[in-house]
Amino acid sequence: MNILILLQNSTSGANGAAGMGSFWIMIILLFAVMWLFMIRPQRKQQKEMERFRSELKKGDKVVTVGGIFGEVAEISDRSVLIKVDGDVKLRVDKNSLVRNYSDTQQ
């Protein structure tokens, strides 16, 4: 806030008005570039992950954040039971599932 006051006091007349106008244009352009290259792609990725987690079904092969591969055995509201190997089953949070590898070859 003090910076804006100092900028207004240090410039006078037409130069001050033109300087402040270009300052605000640069600030707006900076936010537009940040939104275009950072915020928008992140939101898109979040929507894809939400869609992936909501479309899970029994038998899907998934990977957890920790790198554990398994097959979905049971789905509840917040957690998923995955069959890891033989009779070994792990209950994990849905948010820890990051990828479906049902369609890919191992």
PDB file of N, CA and C in Angstrom:
ATOM      1  N   MET A   1       0.823  -1.166   0.000  1.00  0.00           N
ATOM      2  CA  MET A   1       0.000   0.000   0.000  1.00  0.00           C
ATOM      3  C   MET A   1       0.880   1.246   0.000  1.00  0.00           C
ATOM      4  N   ASN A   2       1.930   1.264   0.822  1.00  0.00           N
ATOM      5  CA  ASN A   2       2.835   2.400   0.872  1.00  0.00           C
ATOM      6  C   ASN A   2       3.555   2.589  -0.454  1.00  0.00           C
ATOM      7  N   ILE A   3       3.802   1.482  -1.145  1.00  0.00           N
ATOM      8  CA  ILE A   3       4.486   1.559  -2.438  1.00  0.00           C
ATOM      9  C   ILE A   3       3.633   2.323  -3.434  1.00  0.00           C
ATOM     10  N   LEU A   4       2.320   2.064  -3.430  1.00  0.00           N
ATOM     11  CA  LEU A   4       1.439   2.778  -4.344  1.00  0.00           C
ATOM     12  C   LEU A   4       1.411   4.271  -4.035  1.00  0.00           C
ATOM     13  N   ILE A   5       1.390   4.613  -2.760  1.00  0.00           N
ATOM     14  CA  ILE A   5       1.386   6.028  -2.365  1.00  0.00           C
ATOM     15  C   ILE A   5       2.687   6.685  -2.791  1.00  0.00           C
ATOM     16  N   LEU A   6       3.811   6.004  -2.581  1.00  0.00           N
ATOM     17  CA  LEU A   6       5.101   6.553  -2.997  1.00  0.00           C
ATOM     18  C   LEU A   6       5.168   6.717  -4.510  1.00  0.00           C
ATOM     19  N   LEU A   7       4.623   5.743  -5.243  1.00  0.00           N
ATOM     20  CA  LEU A   7       4.620   5.850  -6.698  1.00  0.00           C
ATOM     21  C   LEU A   7       3.786   7.038  -7.156  1.00  0.00           C
ATOM     22  N   GLN A   8       2.648   7.248  -6.515  1.00  0.00           N
ATOM     23  CA  GLN A   8       1.805   8.378  -6.890  1.00  0.00           C
ATOM     24  C   GLN A   8       2.467   9.705  -6.547  1.00  0.00           C
ATOM     25  N   ASN A   9       3.138   9.781  -5.412  1.00  0.00           N
ATOM     26  CA  ASN A   9       3.784  11.025  -5.000  1.00  0.00           C
ATOM     27  C   ASN A   9       5.037  11.309  -5.820  1.00  0.00           C
ATOM     28  N   SER A  10       5.764  10.286  -6.253  1.00  0.00           N
ATOM     29  CA  SER A  10       7.017  10.506  -6.974  1.00  0.00           C
ATOM     30  C   SER A  10       6.789  10.909  -8.422  1.00  0.00           C
ATOM     31  N   THR A  11       5.650  10.562  -8.977  1.00  0.00           N
ATOM     32  CA  THR A  11       5.346  10.952 -10.358  1.00  0.00           C
ATOM     33  C   THR A  11       4.338  12.077 -10.328  1.00  0.00           C
ATOM     34  N   SER A  12       4.421  12.945 -11.287  1.00  0.00           N
ATOM     35  CA  SER A  12       3.486  14.074 -11.289  1.00  0.00           C
ATOM     36  C   SER A  12       2.915  14.271 -12.684  1.00  0.00           C
ATOM     37  N   GLY A  13       1.717  14.823 -12.748  1.00  0.00           N
ATOM     38  CA  GLY A  13       1.088  15.195 -14.004  1.00  0.00           C
ATOM     39  C   GLY A  13       0.771  14.008 -14.891  1.00  0.00           C
ATOM     40  N   ALA A  14       0.974  14.189 -16.187  1.00  0.00           N
ATOM     41  CA  ALA A  14       0.624  13.190 -17.191  1.00  0.00           C
ATOM     42  C   ALA A  14       1.519  11.960 -17.082  1.00  0.00           C
ATOM     43  N   ASN A  15       2.800  12.176 -16.736  1.00  0.00           N
ATOM     44  CA  ASN A  15       3.708  11.029 -16.607  1.00  0.00           C
ATOM     45  C   ASN A  15       3.235  10.079 -15.513  1.00  0.00           C
ATOM     46  N   GLY A  16       2.724  10.593 -14.424  1.00  0.00           N
ATOM     47  CA  GLY A  16       2.243   9.761 -13.331  1.00  0.00           C
ATOM     48  C   GLY A  16       1.037   8.939 -13.740  1.00  0.00           C
ATOM     49  N   ALA A  17       0.125   9.535 -14.436  1.00  0.00           N
ATOM     50  CA  ALA A  17      -1.075   8.832 -14.874  1.00  0.00           C
ATOM     51  C   ALA A  17      -0.719   7.743 -15.878  1.00  0.00           C
ATOM     52  N   ALA A  18       0.172   8.051 -16.797  1.00  0.00           N
ATOM     53  CA  ALA A  18       0.576   7.060 -17.790  1.00  0.00           C
ATOM     54  C   ALA A  18       1.369   5.941 -17.140  1.00  0.00           C
ATOM     55  N   GLY A  19       2.207   6.289 -16.166  1.00  0.00           N
ATOM     56  CA  GLY A  19       3.000   5.278 -15.472  1.00  0.00           C
ATOM     57  C   GLY A  19       2.126   4.327 -14.677  1.00  0.00           C
ATOM     58  N   MET A  20       1.125   4.845 -13.990  1.00  0.00           N
ATOM     59  CA  MET A  20       0.227   3.996 -13.206  1.00  0.00           C
ATOM     60  C   MET A  20      -0.640   3.136 -14.114  1.00  0.00           C
ATOM     61  N   GLY A  21      -1.044   3.675 -15.244  1.00  0.00           N
ATOM     62  CA  GLY A  21      -1.846   2.895 -16.189  1.00  0.00           C
ATOM     63  C   GLY A  21      -1.079   1.704 -16.719  1.00  0.00           C
ATOM     64  N   SER A  22       0.175   1.934 -17.088  1.00  0.00           N
ATOM     65  CA  SER A  22       0.978   0.818 -17.602  1.00  0.00           C
ATOM     66  C   SER A  22       1.311  -0.173 -16.489  1.00  0.00           C
ATOM     67  N   PHE A  23       1.435   0.310 -15.261  1.00  0.00           N
ATOM     68  CA  PHE A  23       1.682  -0.576 -14.118  1.00  0.00           C
ATOM     69  C   PHE A  23       0.518  -1.547 -13.945  1.00  0.00           C
ATOM     70  N   TRP A  24      -0.717  -1.024 -13.983  1.00  0.00           N
ATOM     71  CA  TRP A  24      -1.881  -1.884 -13.807  1.00  0.00           C
ATOM     72  C   TRP A  24      -2.063  -2.840 -14.977  1.00  0.00           C
ATOM     73  N   ILE A  25      -1.730  -2.402 -16.169  1.00  0.00           N
ATOM     74  CA  ILE A  25      -1.809  -3.293 -17.334  1.00  0.00           C
ATOM     75  C   ILE A  25      -0.832  -4.450 -17.172  1.00  0.00           C
ATOM     76  N   MET A  26       0.374  -4.164 -16.698  1.00  0.00           N
ATOM     77  CA  MET A  26       1.365  -5.220 -16.494  1.00  0.00           C
ATOM     78  C   MET A  26       0.917  -6.195 -15.400  1.00  0.00           C
ATOM     79  N   ILE A  27       0.324  -5.694 -14.333  1.00  0.00           N
ATOM     80  CA  ILE A  27      -0.179  -6.557 -13.266  1.00  0.00           C
ATOM     81  C   ILE A  27      -1.278  -7.477 -13.800  1.00  0.00           C
ATOM     82  N   ILE A  28      -2.191  -6.926 -14.570  1.00  0.00           N
ATOM     83  CA  ILE A  28      -3.280  -7.717 -15.149  1.00  0.00           C
ATOM     84  C   ILE A  28      -2.725  -8.764 -16.101  1.00  0.00           C
ATOM     85  N   LEU A  29      -1.767  -8.392 -16.929  1.00  0.00           N
ATOM     86  CA  LEU A  29      -1.153  -9.355 -17.841  1.00  0.00           C
ATOM     87  C   LEU A  29      -0.426 -10.463 -17.074  1.00  0.00           C
ATOM     88  N   LEU A  30       0.223 -10.119 -15.990  1.00  0.00           N
ATOM     89  CA  LEU A  30       0.913 -11.114 -15.169  1.00  0.00           C
ATOM     90  C   LEU A  30      -0.073 -12.139 -14.616  1.00  0.00           C
ATOM     91  N   PHE A  31      -1.195 -11.690 -14.088  1.00  0.00           N
ATOM     92  CA  PHE A  31      -2.207 -12.609 -13.574  1.00  0.00           C
ATOM     93  C   PHE A  31      -2.819 -13.454 -14.683  1.00  0.00           C
ATOM     94  N   ALA A  32      -3.020 -12.868 -15.861  1.00  0.00           N
ATOM     95  CA  ALA A  32      -3.572 -13.628 -16.987  1.00  0.00           C
ATOM     96  C   ALA A  32      -2.616 -14.751 -17.408  1.00  0.00           C
ATOM     97  N   VAL A  33      -1.333 -14.461 -17.459  1.00  0.00           N
ATOM     98  CA  VAL A  33      -0.350 -15.481 -17.832  1.00  0.00           C
ATOM     99  C   VAL A  33      -0.280 -16.567 -16.763  1.00  0.00           C
ATOM    100  N   MET A  34      -0.310 -16.180 -15.488  1.00  0.00           N
ATOM    101  CA  MET A  34      -0.295 -17.166 -14.402  1.00  0.00           C
ATOM    102  C   MET A  34      -1.514 -18.078 -14.499  1.00  0.00           C
ATOM    103  N   TRP A  35      -2.664 -17.514 -14.764  1.00  0.00           N
ATOM    104  CA  TRP A  35      -3.878 -18.315 -14.871  1.00  0.00           C
ATOM    105  C   TRP A  35      -3.783 -19.265 -16.053  1.00  0.00           C
ATOM    106  N   LEU A  36      -3.285 -18.768 -17.185  1.00  0.00           N
ATOM    107  CA  LEU A  36      -3.229 -19.566 -18.405  1.00  0.00           C
ATOM    108  C   LEU A  36      -2.269 -20.738 -18.278  1.00  0.00           C
ATOM    109  N   PHE A  37      -1.119 -20.532 -17.670  1.00  0.00           N
ATOM    110  CA  PHE A  37      -0.092 -21.574 -17.639  1.00  0.00           C
ATOM    111  C   PHE A  37      -0.030 -22.363 -16.341  1.00  0.00           C
ATOM    112  N   MET A  38      -0.647 -21.900 -15.270  1.00  0.00           N
ATOM    113  CA  MET A  38      -0.533 -22.609 -13.994  1.00  0.00           C
ATOM    114  C   MET A  38      -1.878 -23.083 -13.459  1.00  0.00           C
ATOM    115  N   ILE A  39      -2.819 -22.202 -13.303  1.00  0.00           N
ATOM    116  CA  ILE A  39      -4.072 -22.527 -12.632  1.00  0.00           C
ATOM    117  C   ILE A  39      -4.977 -23.369 -13.527  1.00  0.00           C
ATOM    118  N   ARG A  40      -5.127 -23.004 -14.775  1.00  0.00           N
ATOM    119  CA  ARG A  40      -6.019 -23.714 -15.681  1.00  0.00           C
ATOM    120  C   ARG A  40      -5.624 -25.174 -15.873  1.00  0.00           C
ATOM    121  N   PRO A  41      -4.352 -25.490 -16.175  1.00  0.00           N
ATOM    122  CA  PRO A  41      -3.976 -26.903 -16.325  1.00  0.00           C
ATOM    123  C   PRO A  41      -4.143 -27.713 -15.035  1.00  0.00           C
ATOM    124  N   GLN A  42      -3.894 -27.082 -13.892  1.00  0.00           N
ATOM    125  CA  GLN A  42      -4.047 -27.783 -12.625  1.00  0.00           C
ATOM    126  C   GLN A  42      -5.511 -28.119 -12.365  1.00  0.00           C
ATOM    127  N   ARG A  43      -6.407 -27.210 -12.655  1.00  0.00           N
ATOM    128  CA  ARG A  43      -7.839 -27.479 -12.497  1.00  0.00           C
ATOM    129  C   ARG A  43      -8.296 -28.597 -13.422  1.00  0.00           C
ATOM    130  N   LYS A  44      -7.783 -28.597 -14.639  1.00  0.00           N
ATOM    131  CA  LYS A  44      -8.138 -29.643 -15.602  1.00  0.00           C
ATOM    132  C   LYS A  44      -7.688 -31.005 -15.082  1.00  0.00           C
ATOM    133  N   GLN A  45      -6.477 -31.073 -14.550  1.00  0.00           N
ATOM    134  CA  GLN A  45      -5.954 -32.327 -14.012  1.00  0.00           C
ATOM    135  C   GLN A  45      -6.777 -32.786 -12.796  1.00  0.00           C
ATOM    136  N   GLN A  46      -7.177 -31.865 -11.936  1.00  0.00           N
ATOM    137  CA  GLN A  46      -7.990 -32.213 -10.777  1.00  0.00           C
ATOM    138  C   GLN A  46      -9.344 -32.781 -11.206  1.00  0.00           C
ATOM    139  N   LYS A  47      -9.961 -32.193 -12.224  1.00  0.00           N
ATOM    140  CA  LYS A  47     -11.242 -32.689 -12.712  1.00  0.00           C
ATOM    141  C   LYS A  47     -11.092 -34.091 -13.290  1.00  0.00           C
ATOM    142  N   GLU A  48     -10.002 -34.358 -14.005  1.00  0.00           N
ATOM    143  CA  GLU A  48      -9.763 -35.685 -14.555  1.00  0.00           C
ATOM    144  C   GLU A  48      -9.586 -36.718 -13.447  1.00  0.00           C
ATOM    145  N   MET A  49      -8.863 -36.348 -12.377  1.00  0.00           N
ATOM    146  CA  MET A  49      -8.673 -37.272 -11.264  1.00  0.00           C
ATOM    147  C   MET A  49      -9.995 -37.535 -10.541  1.00  0.00           C
ATOM    148  N   GLU A  50     -10.825 -36.514 -10.357  1.00  0.00           N
ATOM    149  CA  GLU A  50     -12.125 -36.697  -9.728  1.00  0.00           C
ATOM    150  C   GLU A  50     -13.004 -37.620 -10.564  1.00  0.00           C
ATOM    151  N   ARG A  51     -12.972 -37.433 -11.890  1.00  0.00           N
ATOM    152  CA  ARG A  51     -13.756 -38.278 -12.788  1.00  0.00           C
ATOM    153  C   ARG A  51     -13.265 -39.723 -12.717  1.00  0.00           C
ATOM    154  N   PHE A  52     -11.943 -39.919 -12.724  1.00  0.00           N
ATOM    155  CA  PHE A  52     -11.358 -41.250 -12.627  1.00  0.00           C
ATOM    156  C   PHE A  52     -11.807 -41.948 -11.348  1.00  0.00           C
ATOM    157  N   ARG A  53     -11.750 -41.245 -10.227  1.00  0.00           N
ATOM    158  CA  ARG A  53     -12.107 -41.849  -8.938  1.00  0.00           C
ATOM    159  C   ARG A  53     -13.599 -42.118  -8.828  1.00  0.00           C
ATOM    160  N   SER A  54     -14.429 -41.289  -9.440  1.00  0.00           N
ATOM    161  CA  SER A  54     -15.871 -41.512  -9.364  1.00  0.00           C
ATOM    162  C   SER A  54     -16.318 -42.643 -10.291  1.00  0.00           C
ATOM    163  N   GLU A  55     -15.550 -42.945 -11.328  1.00  0.00           N
ATOM    164  CA  GLU A  55     -15.919 -43.994 -12.283  1.00  0.00           C
ATOM    165  C   GLU A  55     -15.272 -45.343 -11.969  1.00  0.00           C
ATOM    166  N   LEU A  56     -14.629 -45.468 -10.816  1.00  0.00           N
ATOM    167  CA  LEU A  56     -14.013 -46.746 -10.450  1.00  0.00           C
ATOM    168  C   LEU A  56     -15.072 -47.832 -10.322  1.00  0.00           C
ATOM    169  N   LYS A  57     -14.691 -49.039 -10.728  1.00  0.00           N
ATOM    170  CA  LYS A  57     -15.589 -50.169 -10.572  1.00  0.00           C
ATOM    171  C   LYS A  57     -14.777 -51.403 -10.192  1.00  0.00           C
ATOM    172  N   LYS A  58     -15.461 -52.393  -9.687  1.00  0.00           N
ATOM    173  CA  LYS A  58     -14.813 -53.615  -9.248  1.00  0.00           C
ATOM    174  C   LYS A  58     -14.103 -54.268 -10.436  1.00  0.00           C
ATOM    175  N   GLY A  59     -12.861 -54.679 -10.210  1.00  0.00           N
ATOM    176  CA  GLY A  59     -12.080 -55.324 -11.256  1.00  0.00           C
ATOM    177  C   GLY A  59     -11.095 -54.404 -11.957  1.00  0.00           C
ATOM    178  N   ASP A  60     -11.213 -53.092 -11.749  1.00  0.00           N
ATOM    179  CA  ASP A  60     -10.257 -52.153 -12.349  1.00  0.00           C
ATOM    180  C   ASP A  60      -8.883 -52.351 -11.715  1.00  0.00           C
ATOM    181  N   LYS A  61      -7.858 -52.256 -12.525  1.00  0.00           N
ATOM    182  CA  LYS A  61      -6.491 -52.340 -12.024  1.00  0.00           C
ATOM    183  C   LYS A  61      -5.991 -50.919 -11.826  1.00  0.00           C
ATOM    184  N   VAL A  62      -5.513 -50.633 -10.607  1.00  0.00           N
ATOM    185  CA  VAL A  62      -5.147 -49.270 -10.244  1.00  0.00           C
ATOM    186  C   VAL A  62      -3.754 -49.227  -9.627  1.00  0.00           C
ATOM    187  N   VAL A  63      -3.218 -47.997  -9.547  1.00  0.00           N
ATOM    188  CA  VAL A  63      -1.936 -47.735  -8.906  1.00  0.00           C
ATOM    189  C   VAL A  63      -2.168 -46.669  -7.847  1.00  0.00           C
ATOM    190  N   THR A  64      -1.567 -46.865  -6.664  1.00  0.00           N
ATOM    191  CA  THR A  64      -1.688 -45.877  -5.594  1.00  0.00           C
ATOM    192  C   THR A  64      -0.560 -44.863  -5.688  1.00  0.00           C
ATOM    193  N   VAL A  65      -0.649 -43.824  -4.891  1.00  0.00           N
ATOM    194  CA  VAL A  65       0.382 -42.795  -4.830  1.00  0.00           C
ATOM    195  C   VAL A  65       1.725 -43.405  -4.446  1.00  0.00           C
ATOM    196  N   GLY A  66       1.692 -44.412  -3.579  1.00  0.00           N
ATOM    197  CA  GLY A  66       2.920 -45.060  -3.112  1.00  0.00           C
ATOM    198  C   GLY A  66       3.493 -46.058  -4.100  1.00  0.00           C
ATOM    199  N   GLY A  67       2.818 -46.273  -5.230  1.00  0.00           N
ATOM    200  CA  GLY A  67       3.327 -47.181  -6.248  1.00  0.00           C
ATOM    201  C   GLY A  67       2.854 -48.613  -6.090  1.00  0.00           C
ATOM    202  N   ILE A  68       1.806 -48.841  -5.315  1.00  0.00           N
ATOM    203  CA  ILE A  68       1.278 -50.186  -5.124  1.00  0.00           C
ATOM    204  C   ILE A  68       0.265 -50.476  -6.225  1.00  0.00           C
ATOM    205  N   PHE A  69       0.482 -51.576  -6.940  1.00  0.00           N
ATOM    206  CA  PHE A  69      -0.410 -52.005  -7.998  1.00  0.00           C
ATOM    207  C   PHE A  69      -1.419 -52.979  -7.412  1.00  0.00           C
ATOM    208  N   GLY A  70      -2.672 -52.859  -7.795  1.00  0.00           N
ATOM    209  CA  GLY A  70      -3.686 -53.779  -7.296  1.00  0.00           C
ATOM    210  C   GLY A  70      -4.944 -53.727  -8.124  1.00  0.00           C
ATOM    211  N   GLU A  71      -5.858 -54.615  -7.764  1.00  0.00           N
ATOM    212  CA  GLU A  71      -7.139 -54.711  -8.459  1.00  0.00           C
ATOM    213  C   GLU A  71      -8.242 -54.350  -7.471  1.00  0.00           C
ATOM    214  N   VAL A  72      -9.182 -53.528  -7.905  1.00  0.00           N
ATOM    215  CA  VAL A  72     -10.255 -53.072  -7.033  1.00  0.00           C
ATOM    216  C   VAL A  72     -11.162 -54.256  -6.687  1.00  0.00           C
ATOM    217  N   ALA A  73     -11.325 -54.508  -5.379  1.00  0.00           N
ATOM    218  CA  ALA A  73     -12.172 -55.595  -4.909  1.00  0.00           C
ATOM    219  C   ALA A  73     -13.488 -55.069  -4.335  1.00  0.00           C
ATOM    220  N   GLU A  74     -13.451 -53.881  -3.737  1.00  0.00           N
ATOM    221  CA  GLU A  74     -14.639 -53.320  -3.101  1.00  0.00           C
ATOM    222  C   GLU A  74     -14.499 -51.804  -3.068  1.00  0.00           C
ATOM    223  N   ILE A  75     -15.611 -51.109  -3.246  1.00  0.00           N
ATOM    224  CA  ILE A  75     -15.592 -49.643  -3.246  1.00  0.00           C
ATOM    225  C   ILE A  75     -16.605 -49.140  -2.240  1.00  0.00           C
ATOM    226  N   SER A  76     -16.182 -48.200  -1.389  1.00  0.00           N
ATOM    227  CA  SER A  76     -17.116 -47.513  -0.491  1.00  0.00           C
ATOM    228  C   SER A  76     -17.026 -46.019  -0.797  1.00  0.00           C
ATOM    229  N   ASP A  77     -17.684 -45.205   0.022  1.00  0.00           N
ATOM    230  CA  ASP A  77     -17.727 -43.766  -0.249  1.00  0.00           C
ATOM    231  C   ASP A  77     -16.340 -43.131  -0.281  1.00  0.00           C
ATOM    232  N   ARG A  78     -15.521 -43.401   0.737  1.00  0.00           N
ATOM    233  CA  ARG A  78     -14.223 -42.736   0.841  1.00  0.00           C
ATOM    234  C   ARG A  78     -13.031 -43.658   0.650  1.00  0.00           C
ATOM    235  N   SER A  79     -13.245 -44.965   0.661  1.00  0.00           N
ATOM    236  CA  SER A  79     -12.112 -45.879   0.571  1.00  0.00           C
ATOM    237  C   SER A  79     -12.358 -46.964  -0.465  1.00  0.00           C
ATOM    238  N   VAL A  80     -11.272 -47.635  -0.813  1.00  0.00           N
ATOM    239  CA  VAL A  80     -11.317 -48.714  -1.793  1.00  0.00           C
ATOM    240  C   VAL A  80     -10.498 -49.871  -1.243  1.00  0.00           C
ATOM    241  N   LEU A  81     -11.015 -51.075  -1.385  1.00  0.00           N
ATOM    242  CA  LEU A  81     -10.276 -52.269  -1.005  1.00  0.00           C
ATOM    243  C   LEU A  81      -9.635 -52.815  -2.266  1.00  0.00           C
ATOM    244  N   ILE A  82      -8.299 -52.873  -2.276  1.00  0.00           N
ATOM    245  CA  ILE A  82      -7.611 -53.380  -3.462  1.00  0.00           C
ATOM    246  C   ILE A  82      -6.927 -54.706  -3.137  1.00  0.00           C
ATOM    247  N   LYS A  83      -7.027 -55.628  -4.078  1.00  0.00           N
ATOM    248  CA  LYS A  83      -6.371 -56.928  -3.954  1.00  0.00           C
ATOM    249  C   LYS A  83      -4.982 -56.775  -4.554  1.00  0.00           C
ATOM    250  N   VAL A  84      -3.962 -56.998  -3.711  1.00  0.00           N
ATOM    251  CA  VAL A  84      -2.597 -56.752  -4.137  1.00  0.00           C
ATOM    252  C   VAL A  84      -1.966 -58.018  -4.708  1.00  0.00           C
ATOM    253  N   ASP A  85      -2.002 -59.116  -3.929  1.00  0.00           N
ATOM    254  CA  ASP A  85      -1.395 -60.366  -4.374  1.00  0.00           C
ATOM    255  C   ASP A  85      -2.017 -61.522  -3.602  1.00  0.00           C
ATOM    256  N   GLY A  86      -2.502 -62.518  -4.289  1.00  0.00           N
ATOM    257  CA  GLY A  86      -3.103 -63.660  -3.609  1.00  0.00           C
ATOM    258  C   GLY A  86      -4.270 -63.225  -2.755  1.00  0.00           C
ATOM    259  N   ASP A  87      -4.180 -63.493  -1.446  1.00  0.00           N
ATOM    260  CA  ASP A  87      -5.237 -63.106  -0.514  1.00  0.00           C
ATOM    261  C   ASP A  87      -4.958 -61.781   0.181  1.00  0.00           C
ATOM    262  N   VAL A  88      -3.919 -61.081  -0.209  1.00  0.00           N
ATOM    263  CA  VAL A  88      -3.550 -59.816   0.423  1.00  0.00           C
ATOM    264  C   VAL A  88      -4.421 -58.694  -0.130  1.00  0.00           C
ATOM    265  N   LYS A  89      -5.140 -58.030   0.785  1.00  0.00           N
ATOM    266  CA  LYS A  89      -5.990 -56.906   0.393  1.00  0.00           C
ATOM    267  C   LYS A  89      -5.651 -55.710   1.261  1.00  0.00           C
ATOM    268  N   LEU A  90      -5.659 -54.548   0.658  1.00  0.00           N
ATOM    269  CA  LEU A  90      -5.374 -53.295   1.365  1.00  0.00           C
ATOM    270  C   LEU A  90      -6.545 -52.345   1.200  1.00  0.00           C
ATOM    271  N   ARG A  91      -6.924 -51.687   2.297  1.00  0.00           N
ATOM    272  CA  ARG A  91      -7.942 -50.643   2.208  1.00  0.00           C
ATOM    273  C   ARG A  91      -7.212 -49.311   2.126  1.00  0.00           C
ATOM    274  N   VAL A  92      -7.462 -48.566   1.071  1.00  0.00           N
ATOM    275  CA  VAL A  92      -6.803 -47.277   0.856  1.00  0.00           C
ATOM    276  C   VAL A  92      -7.866 -46.205   0.617  1.00  0.00           C
ATOM    277  N   ASP A  93      -7.487 -44.975   0.865  1.00  0.00           N
ATOM    278  CA  ASP A  93      -8.350 -43.830   0.591  1.00  0.00           C
ATOM    279  C   ASP A  93      -8.476 -43.658  -0.919  1.00  0.00           C
ATOM    280  N   LYS A  94      -9.638 -43.263  -1.394  1.00  0.00           N
ATOM    281  CA  LYS A  94      -9.824 -43.055  -2.831  1.00  0.00           C
ATOM    282  C   LYS A  94      -8.854 -42.021  -3.388  1.00  0.00           C
ATOM    283  N   ASN A  95      -8.510 -41.024  -2.577  1.00  0.00           N
ATOM    284  CA  ASN A  95      -7.616 -39.971  -3.043  1.00  0.00           C
ATOM    285  C   ASN A  95      -6.195 -40.456  -3.273  1.00  0.00           C
ATOM    286  N   SER A  96      -5.862 -41.648  -2.787  1.00  0.00           N
ATOM    287  CA  SER A  96      -4.513 -42.161  -2.997  1.00  0.00           C
ATOM    288  C   SER A  96      -4.384 -42.922  -4.310  1.00  0.00           C
ATOM    289  N   LEU A  97      -5.473 -43.117  -5.023  1.00  0.00           N
ATOM    290  CA  LEU A  97      -5.415 -43.780  -6.318  1.00  0.00           C
ATOM    291  C   LEU A  97      -5.116 -42.745  -7.400  1.00  0.00           C
ATOM    292  N   VAL A  98      -4.103 -43.039  -8.205  1.00  0.00           N
ATOM    293  CA  VAL A  98      -3.683 -42.034  -9.180  1.00  0.00           C
ATOM    294  C   VAL A  98      -3.788 -42.478 -10.634  1.00  0.00           C
ATOM    295  N   ARG A  99      -3.895 -43.788 -10.883  1.00  0.00           N
ATOM    296  CA  ARG A  99      -3.891 -44.200 -12.284  1.00  0.00           C
ATOM    297  C   ARG A  99      -4.614 -45.523 -12.447  1.00  0.00           C
ATOM    298  N   ASN A 100      -5.275 -45.694 -13.572  1.00  0.00           N
ATOM    299  CA  ASN A 100      -5.923 -46.931 -13.937  1.00  0.00           C
ATOM    300  C   ASN A 100      -5.079 -47.577 -15.044  1.00  0.00           C
ATOM    301  N   TYR A 101      -4.642 -48.795 -14.821  1.00  0.00           N
ATOM    302  CA  TYR A 101      -3.842 -49.452 -15.849  1.00  0.00           C
ATOM    303  C   TYR A 101      -4.524 -50.701 -16.385  1.00  0.00           C
ATOM    304  N   SER A 102      -5.852 -50.715 -16.350  1.00  0.00           N
ATOM    305  CA  SER A 102      -6.627 -51.850 -16.853  1.00  0.00           C
ATOM    306  C   SER A 102      -6.423 -52.075 -18.347  1.00  0.00           C
ATOM    307  N   ASP A 103      -6.306 -50.993 -19.108  1.00  0.00           N
ATOM    308  CA  ASP A 103      -6.211 -51.099 -20.556  1.00  0.00           C
ATOM    309  C   ASP A 103      -4.797 -51.342 -21.071  1.00  0.00           C
ATOM    310  N   THR A 104      -3.786 -51.098 -20.259  1.00  0.00           N
ATOM    311  CA  THR A 104      -2.411 -51.223 -20.708  1.00  0.00           C
ATOM    312  C   THR A 104      -1.865 -52.614 -20.444  1.00  0.00           C
ATOM    313  N   GLN A 105      -0.906 -53.017 -21.236  1.00  0.00           N
ATOM    314  CA  GLN A 105      -0.233 -54.313 -21.059  1.00  0.00           C
ATOM    315  C   GLN A 105       0.882 -54.170 -20.068  1.00  0.00           C
ATOM    316  N   GLN A 106       1.107 -55.216 -19.256  1.00  0.00           N
ATOM    317  CA  GLN A 106       2.216 -55.179 -18.294  1.00  0.00           C
ATOM    318  C   GLN A 106       3.456 -55.726 -18.911  1.00  0.00           C
TER     319      GLN A 106
END
